[in-house]
N, C-alpha and C. Protein backbone atom coordinates (compact mmCIF):
# COMPACT_ATOMS: atom_id res chain seq x y z
N UNK A 1 0.86 -1.18 0.00
CA UNK A 1 0.00 0.00 0.00
C UNK A 1 0.89 1.23 0.00
N UNK A 2 0.61 2.13 -0.90
CA UNK A 2 1.41 3.32 -1.04
C UNK A 2 1.33 4.23 0.18
N UNK A 3 0.14 4.40 0.72
CA UNK A 3 -0.05 5.30 1.85
C UNK A 3 -1.19 4.78 2.71
N UNK A 4 -0.83 4.27 3.89
CA UNK A 4 -1.84 3.70 4.78
C UNK A 4 -2.89 4.73 5.20
N UNK A 5 -2.48 5.99 5.37
CA UNK A 5 -3.44 7.02 5.78
C UNK A 5 -4.52 7.20 4.72
N UNK A 6 -4.13 7.23 3.45
CA UNK A 6 -5.12 7.36 2.38
C UNK A 6 -6.07 6.16 2.36
N UNK A 7 -5.53 4.99 2.61
CA UNK A 7 -6.35 3.79 2.63
C UNK A 7 -7.37 3.86 3.77
N UNK A 8 -6.93 4.31 4.94
CA UNK A 8 -7.85 4.43 6.08
C UNK A 8 -8.93 5.47 5.81
N UNK A 9 -8.57 6.55 5.15
CA UNK A 9 -9.57 7.55 4.77
C UNK A 9 -10.59 6.93 3.82
N UNK A 10 -10.09 6.15 2.87
CA UNK A 10 -10.98 5.49 1.92
C UNK A 10 -11.93 4.52 2.63
N UNK A 11 -11.43 3.79 3.60
CA UNK A 11 -12.28 2.88 4.37
C UNK A 11 -13.37 3.67 5.10
N UNK A 12 -12.99 4.75 5.76
CA UNK A 12 -13.96 5.57 6.50
C UNK A 12 -15.02 6.13 5.56
N UNK A 13 -14.61 6.59 4.37
CA UNK A 13 -15.57 7.09 3.40
C UNK A 13 -16.52 5.99 2.93
N UNK A 14 -15.98 4.80 2.73
CA UNK A 14 -16.82 3.66 2.31
C UNK A 14 -17.84 3.31 3.39
N UNK A 15 -17.41 3.33 4.63
CA UNK A 15 -18.33 3.05 5.74
C UNK A 15 -19.43 4.10 5.80
N UNK A 16 -19.07 5.37 5.63
CA UNK A 16 -20.08 6.43 5.62
C UNK A 16 -21.10 6.22 4.51
N UNK A 17 -20.62 5.85 3.32
CA UNK A 17 -21.54 5.59 2.20
C UNK A 17 -22.48 4.44 2.52
N UNK A 18 -21.93 3.35 3.05
CA UNK A 18 -22.74 2.18 3.37
C UNK A 18 -23.78 2.53 4.42
N UNK A 19 -23.38 3.29 5.44
CA UNK A 19 -24.35 3.70 6.46
C UNK A 19 -25.48 4.54 5.85
N UNK A 20 -25.13 5.42 4.90
CA UNK A 20 -26.18 6.23 4.28
C UNK A 20 -27.10 5.37 3.41
N UNK A 21 -26.55 4.36 2.72
CA UNK A 21 -27.37 3.46 1.91
C UNK A 21 -28.33 2.66 2.80
N UNK A 22 -27.89 2.32 4.00
CA UNK A 22 -28.65 1.44 4.89
C UNK A 22 -29.57 2.18 5.85
N UNK A 23 -29.49 3.51 5.85
CA UNK A 23 -30.28 4.30 6.81
C UNK A 23 -31.76 3.96 6.72
N UNK A 24 -32.32 3.60 7.83
CA UNK A 24 -33.74 3.33 7.92
C UNK A 24 -34.18 1.96 7.41
N UNK A 25 -33.24 1.14 6.99
CA UNK A 25 -33.59 -0.18 6.47
C UNK A 25 -33.33 -1.26 7.50
N UNK A 26 -34.28 -2.15 7.67
CA UNK A 26 -34.01 -3.36 8.44
C UNK A 26 -33.57 -4.44 7.46
N UNK A 27 -33.30 -5.62 7.95
CA UNK A 27 -32.79 -6.68 7.10
C UNK A 27 -33.76 -7.02 5.97
N UNK A 28 -35.04 -7.10 6.30
CA UNK A 28 -36.05 -7.44 5.28
C UNK A 28 -36.08 -6.40 4.17
N UNK A 29 -36.05 -5.13 4.53
CA UNK A 29 -36.07 -4.07 3.53
C UNK A 29 -34.80 -4.11 2.68
N UNK A 30 -33.68 -4.37 3.33
CA UNK A 30 -32.42 -4.49 2.60
C UNK A 30 -32.49 -5.61 1.57
N UNK A 31 -33.05 -6.74 1.97
CA UNK A 31 -33.14 -7.90 1.08
C UNK A 31 -34.09 -7.64 -0.09
N UNK A 32 -35.03 -6.72 0.06
CA UNK A 32 -35.97 -6.40 -1.01
C UNK A 32 -35.41 -5.41 -2.01
N UNK A 33 -34.34 -4.71 -1.64
CA UNK A 33 -33.81 -3.63 -2.48
C UNK A 33 -32.47 -4.02 -3.10
N UNK A 34 -32.54 -4.58 -4.28
CA UNK A 34 -31.31 -5.07 -4.92
C UNK A 34 -30.35 -3.93 -5.26
N UNK A 35 -30.86 -2.75 -5.52
CA UNK A 35 -29.97 -1.63 -5.82
C UNK A 35 -29.12 -1.26 -4.59
N UNK A 36 -29.72 -1.30 -3.42
CA UNK A 36 -28.98 -1.02 -2.19
C UNK A 36 -27.96 -2.13 -1.94
N UNK A 37 -28.37 -3.37 -2.16
CA UNK A 37 -27.43 -4.49 -2.01
C UNK A 37 -26.23 -4.30 -2.92
N UNK A 38 -26.48 -3.95 -4.16
CA UNK A 38 -25.38 -3.73 -5.11
C UNK A 38 -24.46 -2.60 -4.67
N UNK A 39 -25.04 -1.52 -4.18
CA UNK A 39 -24.24 -0.38 -3.73
C UNK A 39 -23.36 -0.74 -2.55
N UNK A 40 -23.92 -1.48 -1.60
CA UNK A 40 -23.15 -1.89 -0.42
C UNK A 40 -22.02 -2.84 -0.82
N UNK A 41 -22.34 -3.82 -1.65
CA UNK A 41 -21.31 -4.76 -2.09
C UNK A 41 -20.22 -4.07 -2.89
N UNK A 42 -20.60 -3.15 -3.74
CA UNK A 42 -19.62 -2.42 -4.54
C UNK A 42 -18.67 -1.63 -3.64
N UNK A 43 -19.20 -0.98 -2.62
CA UNK A 43 -18.35 -0.23 -1.68
C UNK A 43 -17.38 -1.16 -0.97
N UNK A 44 -17.86 -2.33 -0.58
CA UNK A 44 -16.98 -3.31 0.09
C UNK A 44 -15.91 -3.83 -0.86
N UNK A 45 -16.30 -4.13 -2.07
CA UNK A 45 -15.35 -4.66 -3.05
C UNK A 45 -14.29 -3.63 -3.40
N UNK A 46 -14.67 -2.38 -3.54
CA UNK A 46 -13.69 -1.34 -3.85
C UNK A 46 -12.66 -1.21 -2.76
N UNK A 47 -13.09 -1.29 -1.52
CA UNK A 47 -12.17 -1.19 -0.39
C UNK A 47 -11.23 -2.39 -0.38
N UNK A 48 -11.76 -3.59 -0.59
CA UNK A 48 -10.92 -4.80 -0.62
C UNK A 48 -9.94 -4.74 -1.78
N UNK A 49 -10.41 -4.29 -2.93
CA UNK A 49 -9.57 -4.20 -4.12
C UNK A 49 -8.39 -3.27 -3.85
N UNK A 50 -8.65 -2.15 -3.22
CA UNK A 50 -7.58 -1.19 -2.95
C UNK A 50 -6.63 -1.73 -1.88
N UNK A 51 -7.16 -2.50 -0.94
CA UNK A 51 -6.30 -3.09 0.08
C UNK A 51 -5.32 -4.07 -0.55
N UNK A 52 -5.79 -4.83 -1.54
CA UNK A 52 -4.91 -5.78 -2.21
C UNK A 52 -3.97 -5.09 -3.19
N UNK A 53 -4.22 -3.79 -3.42
CA UNK A 53 -3.37 -2.96 -4.27
C UNK A 53 -3.35 -3.42 -5.72
N UNK A 54 -4.45 -4.02 -6.18
CA UNK A 54 -4.52 -4.39 -7.60
C UNK A 54 -5.69 -3.68 -8.28
N UNK A 55 -6.16 -2.65 -7.65
CA UNK A 55 -7.29 -1.89 -8.16
C UNK A 55 -6.80 -0.96 -9.27
N UNK A 56 -7.57 -0.89 -10.33
CA UNK A 56 -7.19 -0.02 -11.43
C UNK A 56 -7.90 1.32 -11.33
N UNK A 57 -8.52 1.56 -10.19
CA UNK A 57 -9.24 2.81 -10.00
C UNK A 57 -8.59 3.70 -8.96
N UNK A 58 -8.98 3.51 -7.71
CA UNK A 58 -8.62 4.43 -6.66
C UNK A 58 -7.12 4.57 -6.43
N UNK A 59 -6.39 3.49 -6.26
CA UNK A 59 -4.96 3.60 -5.98
C UNK A 59 -4.12 3.38 -7.22
N UNK A 60 -4.73 2.97 -8.30
CA UNK A 60 -4.03 2.79 -9.57
C UNK A 60 -2.98 1.79 -9.47
């Protein structure tokens, strides 16, 4: 990882996004909304991808 501080900032931003996507949803509502599921998974995958340092987006 080029810069651990940038990675930690990225994690915090991803968590904030996920919390906003999930606001007001219980598990049943989450399971009914595939767009929210996709958004949450995408945020998780982007963070993992950057951690492995093979992401062609955020850390290049």
